[in-house]
Amino acid sequence: MAHDCSWARTAQALHVHVNTVHYRVRRIEELTARDLGHLDDRLDLRAALLCAPT
């Protein structure tokens, strides 16, 4: 989300291959039953991450 949902920029920031980012996003979608292509689902995920204890 910090990289405007760009898998390439996210991969570069995480020092992983873009396919790894793609796999992880799909896995999150499977586990949460959300579609991160939809703004509402992305906002819910962002809110959850902001509320999570560190």
N, C-alpha and C. Protein backbone atom coordinates (compact mmCIF):
# COMPACT_ATOMS: atom_id res chain seq x y z
N MET A 1 0.82 -1.18 0.00
CA MET A 1 0.00 0.00 0.00
C MET A 1 0.87 1.25 0.00
N ALA A 2 2.02 1.15 0.62
CA ALA A 2 2.91 2.30 0.69
C ALA A 2 3.48 2.65 -0.68
N HIS A 3 3.38 1.72 -1.61
CA HIS A 3 3.92 1.93 -2.96
C HIS A 3 2.80 2.01 -3.98
N ASP A 4 1.66 2.55 -3.57
CA ASP A 4 0.50 2.74 -4.45
C ASP A 4 0.08 1.45 -5.15
N CYS A 5 0.17 0.35 -4.42
CA CYS A 5 -0.22 -0.98 -4.92
C CYS A 5 0.57 -1.41 -6.15
N SER A 6 1.77 -0.91 -6.30
CA SER A 6 2.65 -1.32 -7.40
C SER A 6 3.47 -2.52 -6.94
N TRP A 7 3.24 -3.65 -7.59
CA TRP A 7 3.98 -4.85 -7.22
C TRP A 7 5.46 -4.70 -7.51
N ALA A 8 5.81 -4.04 -8.58
CA ALA A 8 7.23 -3.87 -8.94
C ALA A 8 7.95 -3.01 -7.91
N ARG A 9 7.35 -1.89 -7.51
CA ARG A 9 7.98 -1.03 -6.51
C ARG A 9 8.02 -1.70 -5.14
N THR A 10 6.97 -2.46 -4.82
CA THR A 10 6.95 -3.19 -3.56
C THR A 10 8.04 -4.25 -3.54
N ALA A 11 8.18 -4.97 -4.64
CA ALA A 11 9.23 -5.99 -4.73
C ALA A 11 10.60 -5.37 -4.57
N GLN A 12 10.82 -4.24 -5.20
CA GLN A 12 12.10 -3.56 -5.10
C GLN A 12 12.36 -3.15 -3.65
N ALA A 13 11.36 -2.60 -2.98
CA ALA A 13 11.53 -2.16 -1.59
C ALA A 13 11.78 -3.33 -0.64
N LEU A 14 11.18 -4.49 -0.94
CA LEU A 14 11.35 -5.67 -0.08
C LEU A 14 12.53 -6.54 -0.49
N HIS A 15 13.16 -6.19 -1.60
CA HIS A 15 14.28 -6.96 -2.13
C HIS A 15 13.88 -8.40 -2.44
N VAL A 16 12.72 -8.53 -3.08
CA VAL A 16 12.23 -9.84 -3.53
C VAL A 16 11.80 -9.72 -4.98
N HIS A 17 11.55 -10.85 -5.61
CA HIS A 17 11.08 -10.86 -6.99
C HIS A 17 9.61 -10.45 -7.03
N VAL A 18 9.20 -9.83 -8.10
CA VAL A 18 7.82 -9.37 -8.24
C VAL A 18 6.83 -10.54 -8.13
N ASN A 19 7.22 -11.72 -8.58
CA ASN A 19 6.33 -12.89 -8.46
C ASN A 19 6.08 -13.25 -7.00
N THR A 20 7.06 -13.00 -6.13
CA THR A 20 6.89 -13.25 -4.71
C THR A 20 5.82 -12.33 -4.14
N VAL A 21 5.85 -11.07 -4.54
CA VAL A 21 4.84 -10.12 -4.09
C VAL A 21 3.46 -10.56 -4.59
N HIS A 22 3.40 -10.94 -5.85
CA HIS A 22 2.14 -11.40 -6.43
C HIS A 22 1.59 -12.60 -5.65
N TYR A 23 2.45 -13.56 -5.36
CA TYR A 23 2.03 -14.74 -4.61
C TYR A 23 1.52 -14.34 -3.22
N ARG A 24 2.25 -13.47 -2.54
CA ARG A 24 1.86 -13.08 -1.18
C ARG A 24 0.53 -12.33 -1.16
N VAL A 25 0.32 -11.47 -2.14
CA VAL A 25 -0.95 -10.75 -2.21
C VAL A 25 -2.09 -11.73 -2.44
N ARG A 26 -1.91 -12.66 -3.37
CA ARG A 26 -2.95 -13.67 -3.63
C ARG A 26 -3.21 -14.51 -2.39
N ARG A 27 -2.16 -14.83 -1.66
CA ARG A 27 -2.31 -15.64 -0.45
C ARG A 27 -3.09 -14.87 0.62
N ILE A 28 -2.80 -13.60 0.77
CA ILE A 28 -3.56 -12.76 1.71
C ILE A 28 -5.03 -12.73 1.31
N GLU A 29 -5.29 -12.60 0.01
CA GLU A 29 -6.67 -12.59 -0.47
C GLU A 29 -7.37 -13.91 -0.16
N GLU A 30 -6.67 -15.02 -0.33
CA GLU A 30 -7.26 -16.33 -0.03
C GLU A 30 -7.57 -16.47 1.45
N LEU A 31 -6.63 -16.07 2.29
CA LEU A 31 -6.80 -16.23 3.73
C LEU A 31 -7.84 -15.30 4.33
N THR A 32 -8.02 -14.13 3.73
CA THR A 32 -8.95 -13.15 4.29
C THR A 32 -10.28 -13.08 3.54
N ALA A 33 -10.38 -13.81 2.43
CA ALA A 33 -11.58 -13.76 1.59
C ALA A 33 -11.88 -12.34 1.13
N ARG A 34 -10.83 -11.59 0.84
CA ARG A 34 -10.95 -10.21 0.36
C ARG A 34 -10.32 -10.11 -1.01
N ASP A 35 -10.73 -9.11 -1.77
CA ASP A 35 -10.15 -8.83 -3.08
C ASP A 35 -9.43 -7.49 -2.98
N LEU A 36 -8.11 -7.52 -2.93
CA LEU A 36 -7.35 -6.30 -2.73
C LEU A 36 -7.34 -5.42 -3.97
N GLY A 37 -8.02 -5.83 -5.01
CA GLY A 37 -8.24 -4.99 -6.16
C GLY A 37 -9.37 -4.00 -5.92
N HIS A 38 -10.14 -4.23 -4.86
CA HIS A 38 -11.24 -3.34 -4.50
C HIS A 38 -10.79 -2.38 -3.40
N LEU A 39 -11.10 -1.13 -3.58
CA LEU A 39 -10.67 -0.10 -2.63
C LEU A 39 -11.18 -0.38 -1.22
N ASP A 40 -12.43 -0.77 -1.07
CA ASP A 40 -12.98 -1.03 0.26
C ASP A 40 -12.19 -2.10 1.00
N ASP A 41 -11.81 -3.16 0.29
CA ASP A 41 -11.05 -4.24 0.92
C ASP A 41 -9.64 -3.77 1.28
N ARG A 42 -9.03 -2.95 0.43
CA ARG A 42 -7.70 -2.41 0.75
C ARG A 42 -7.77 -1.50 1.98
N LEU A 43 -8.82 -0.69 2.07
CA LEU A 43 -8.97 0.19 3.23
C LEU A 43 -9.18 -0.61 4.51
N ASP A 44 -9.96 -1.68 4.44
CA ASP A 44 -10.15 -2.54 5.61
C ASP A 44 -8.83 -3.15 6.06
N LEU A 45 -8.04 -3.61 5.10
CA LEU A 45 -6.74 -4.20 5.43
C LEU A 45 -5.82 -3.15 6.05
N ARG A 46 -5.79 -1.97 5.48
CA ARG A 46 -4.96 -0.88 6.01
C ARG A 46 -5.36 -0.54 7.44
N ALA A 47 -6.66 -0.43 7.68
CA ALA A 47 -7.15 -0.12 9.03
C ALA A 47 -6.75 -1.22 10.00
N ALA A 48 -6.85 -2.46 9.60
CA ALA A 48 -6.48 -3.57 10.46
C ALA A 48 -4.99 -3.54 10.79
N LEU A 49 -4.16 -3.23 9.79
CA LEU A 49 -2.72 -3.17 10.02
C LEU A 49 -2.36 -2.00 10.95
N LEU A 50 -3.06 -0.90 10.82
CA LEU A 50 -2.79 0.24 11.70
C LEU A 50 -3.20 -0.03 13.14
N CYS A 51 -4.21 -0.87 13.34
CA CYS A 51 -4.69 -1.19 14.68
C CYS A 51 -3.93 -2.34 15.34
N ALA A 52 -3.18 -3.09 14.56
CA ALA A 52 -2.47 -4.24 15.08
C ALA A 52 -1.36 -3.81 16.03
N PRO A 53 -1.19 -4.55 17.13
CA PRO A 53 -0.10 -4.20 18.06
C PRO A 53 1.25 -4.45 17.40
N THR A 54 2.21 -3.66 17.81
CA THR A 54 3.55 -3.80 17.24
C THR A 54 4.44 -4.66 18.07
